[in-house]
Amino acid sequence: MGELVERVDERDRVLGVVERAEAERRRWMHRIATTICRDPMRRILVLRRAEQHTRFPGHYDVMVGGAVDVGESYEDAAAASCPRSWVPTSWCVSCSSFCAGMGSALSGSGCTRP
């Protein structure tokens, strides 16, 4: 069995638990958490995605993150996505969102400073 995620509706209410691959294939909304890192001069850290990534390999990105585990909070998932060895904690801005699978725009979001 693959990675499990919570399928949600447009108000972020849980509809059930499904495999992430199925949620992406069927373009079902599911929870993701991302982190944007900015230095004290407000410059944004830009990362190059690994060539092994299934989505946008080798492309540049300003967000680090991924699917929220079943039962996990957005805050915990966002914090786990940004290894503290990369940048100081004060540089990270956490953004929680739910999305409708690969290639779709984010349906909802909210950003907080940890």
Protein backbone atom coordinates (compact mmCIF):
# COMPACT_ATOMS: atom_id res chain seq x y z
CA MET A 1 0.00 0.00 0.00
CA GLY A 2 1.27 3.48 -0.86
CA GLU A 3 1.38 6.69 1.14
CA LEU A 4 -2.00 7.51 2.72
CA VAL A 5 -3.55 10.99 2.75
CA GLU A 6 -6.83 12.47 3.87
CA ARG A 7 -9.16 13.29 0.99
CA VAL A 8 -10.97 16.56 1.81
CA ASP A 9 -13.80 18.69 0.45
CA GLU A 10 -13.65 22.37 -0.50
CA ARG A 11 -13.94 23.32 3.20
CA ASP A 12 -11.08 21.03 4.24
CA ARG A 13 -13.41 18.49 5.87
CA VAL A 14 -12.11 14.92 5.74
CA LEU A 15 -14.03 12.66 3.34
CA GLY A 16 -11.84 9.61 3.80
CA VAL A 17 -8.36 8.16 3.66
CA VAL A 18 -6.95 7.27 0.23
CA GLU A 19 -3.58 6.53 -1.34
CA ARG A 20 -1.77 9.70 -2.40
CA ALA A 21 -1.18 8.32 -5.90
CA GLU A 22 -4.92 7.77 -6.34
CA ALA A 23 -5.73 11.26 -5.01
CA GLU A 24 -3.33 12.76 -7.54
CA ARG A 25 -4.50 10.53 -10.40
CA ARG A 26 -8.17 11.33 -9.77
CA ARG A 27 -7.39 14.97 -8.92
CA TRP A 28 -9.07 14.69 -5.52
CA MET A 29 -8.41 17.42 -3.01
CA HIS A 30 -6.02 16.38 -0.26
CA ARG A 31 -3.91 18.20 2.31
CA ILE A 32 -0.41 19.50 1.69
CA ALA A 33 1.86 21.70 3.77
CA THR A 34 4.64 23.87 2.41
CA THR A 35 7.33 26.11 3.79
CA ILE A 36 8.91 29.19 2.23
CA CYS A 37 12.26 30.28 3.67
CA ARG A 38 13.26 33.97 3.64
CA ASP A 39 16.38 35.50 5.09
CA PRO A 40 16.42 38.72 7.17
CA MET A 41 16.72 40.72 3.93
CA ARG A 42 13.46 39.03 2.79
CA ARG A 43 15.18 37.12 -0.02
CA ILE A 44 13.51 33.78 -0.76
CA LEU A 45 15.46 30.53 -0.75
CA VAL A 46 15.16 28.88 -4.19
CA LEU A 47 15.71 25.12 -4.41
CA ARG A 48 16.30 22.84 -7.36
CA ARG A 49 14.10 19.76 -7.27
CA ALA A 50 15.87 16.40 -7.50
CA GLU A 51 16.01 14.73 -10.90
CA GLN A 52 14.36 11.67 -9.30
CA HIS A 53 11.20 13.61 -8.36
CA THR A 54 8.09 12.38 -10.16
CA ARG A 55 6.70 15.92 -10.38
CA PHE A 56 8.74 18.65 -12.05
CA PRO A 57 12.16 16.95 -11.80
CA GLY A 58 15.09 19.35 -12.03
CA HIS A 59 12.88 22.44 -11.86
CA TYR A 60 13.38 25.29 -9.42
CA ASP A 61 10.94 25.81 -6.56
CA VAL A 62 10.45 28.29 -3.71
CA MET A 63 8.45 25.91 -1.52
CA VAL A 64 9.49 22.83 0.41
CA GLY A 65 6.80 20.44 1.55
CA GLY A 66 4.46 17.65 0.67
CA ALA A 67 1.38 15.75 1.68
CA VAL A 68 0.13 15.94 5.26
CA ASP A 69 0.09 12.48 6.87
CA VAL A 70 -3.22 11.08 8.09
CA GLY A 71 -3.98 12.66 11.47
CA GLU A 72 -1.03 15.07 11.24
CA SER A 73 -1.50 18.81 11.68
CA TYR A 74 -0.56 21.27 8.94
CA GLU A 75 1.88 22.89 11.35
CA ASP A 76 3.70 19.64 12.15
CA ALA A 77 3.90 18.66 8.48
CA ALA A 78 5.25 22.08 7.48
CA ALA A 79 7.82 22.03 10.28
CA ALA A 80 9.00 18.57 9.22
CA SER A 81 9.37 19.70 5.60
CA CYS A 82 12.06 22.28 6.36
CA PRO A 83 15.13 20.68 7.94
CA ARG A 84 16.51 23.07 10.53
CA SER A 85 20.02 22.34 9.28
CA TRP A 86 19.21 24.31 6.10
CA VAL A 87 18.17 27.62 7.61
CA PRO A 88 17.42 29.17 11.00
CA THR A 89 13.86 28.59 12.26
CA SER A 90 13.13 32.31 12.08
CA TRP A 91 13.53 32.20 8.30
CA CYS A 92 10.68 29.74 7.70
CA VAL A 93 7.12 30.77 6.89
CA SER A 94 4.72 27.82 6.97
CA CYS A 95 1.84 27.62 4.53
CA SER A 96 -0.94 25.08 4.83
CA SER A 97 -3.07 24.23 1.85
CA PHE A 98 -5.27 21.65 0.33
CA CYS A 99 -4.99 20.93 -3.35
CA ALA A 100 -6.78 19.10 -6.10
CA GLY A 101 -4.00 16.85 -7.33
CA MET A 102 -1.22 17.34 -9.81
CA GLY A 103 -1.29 20.47 -11.92
CA SER A 104 -4.20 22.12 -10.15
CA ALA A 105 -4.22 25.43 -8.37
CA LEU A 106 -4.31 25.48 -4.59
CA SER A 107 -7.84 25.62 -3.27
CA GLY A 108 -7.14 27.19 0.08
CA SER A 109 -4.19 28.40 2.05
CA GLY A 110 -3.01 30.20 5.12
CA CYS A 111 0.50 31.20 6.12
CA THR A 112 1.89 31.53 9.59
CA ARG A 113 5.32 32.11 11.08
CA PRO A 114 6.34 29.24 13.40
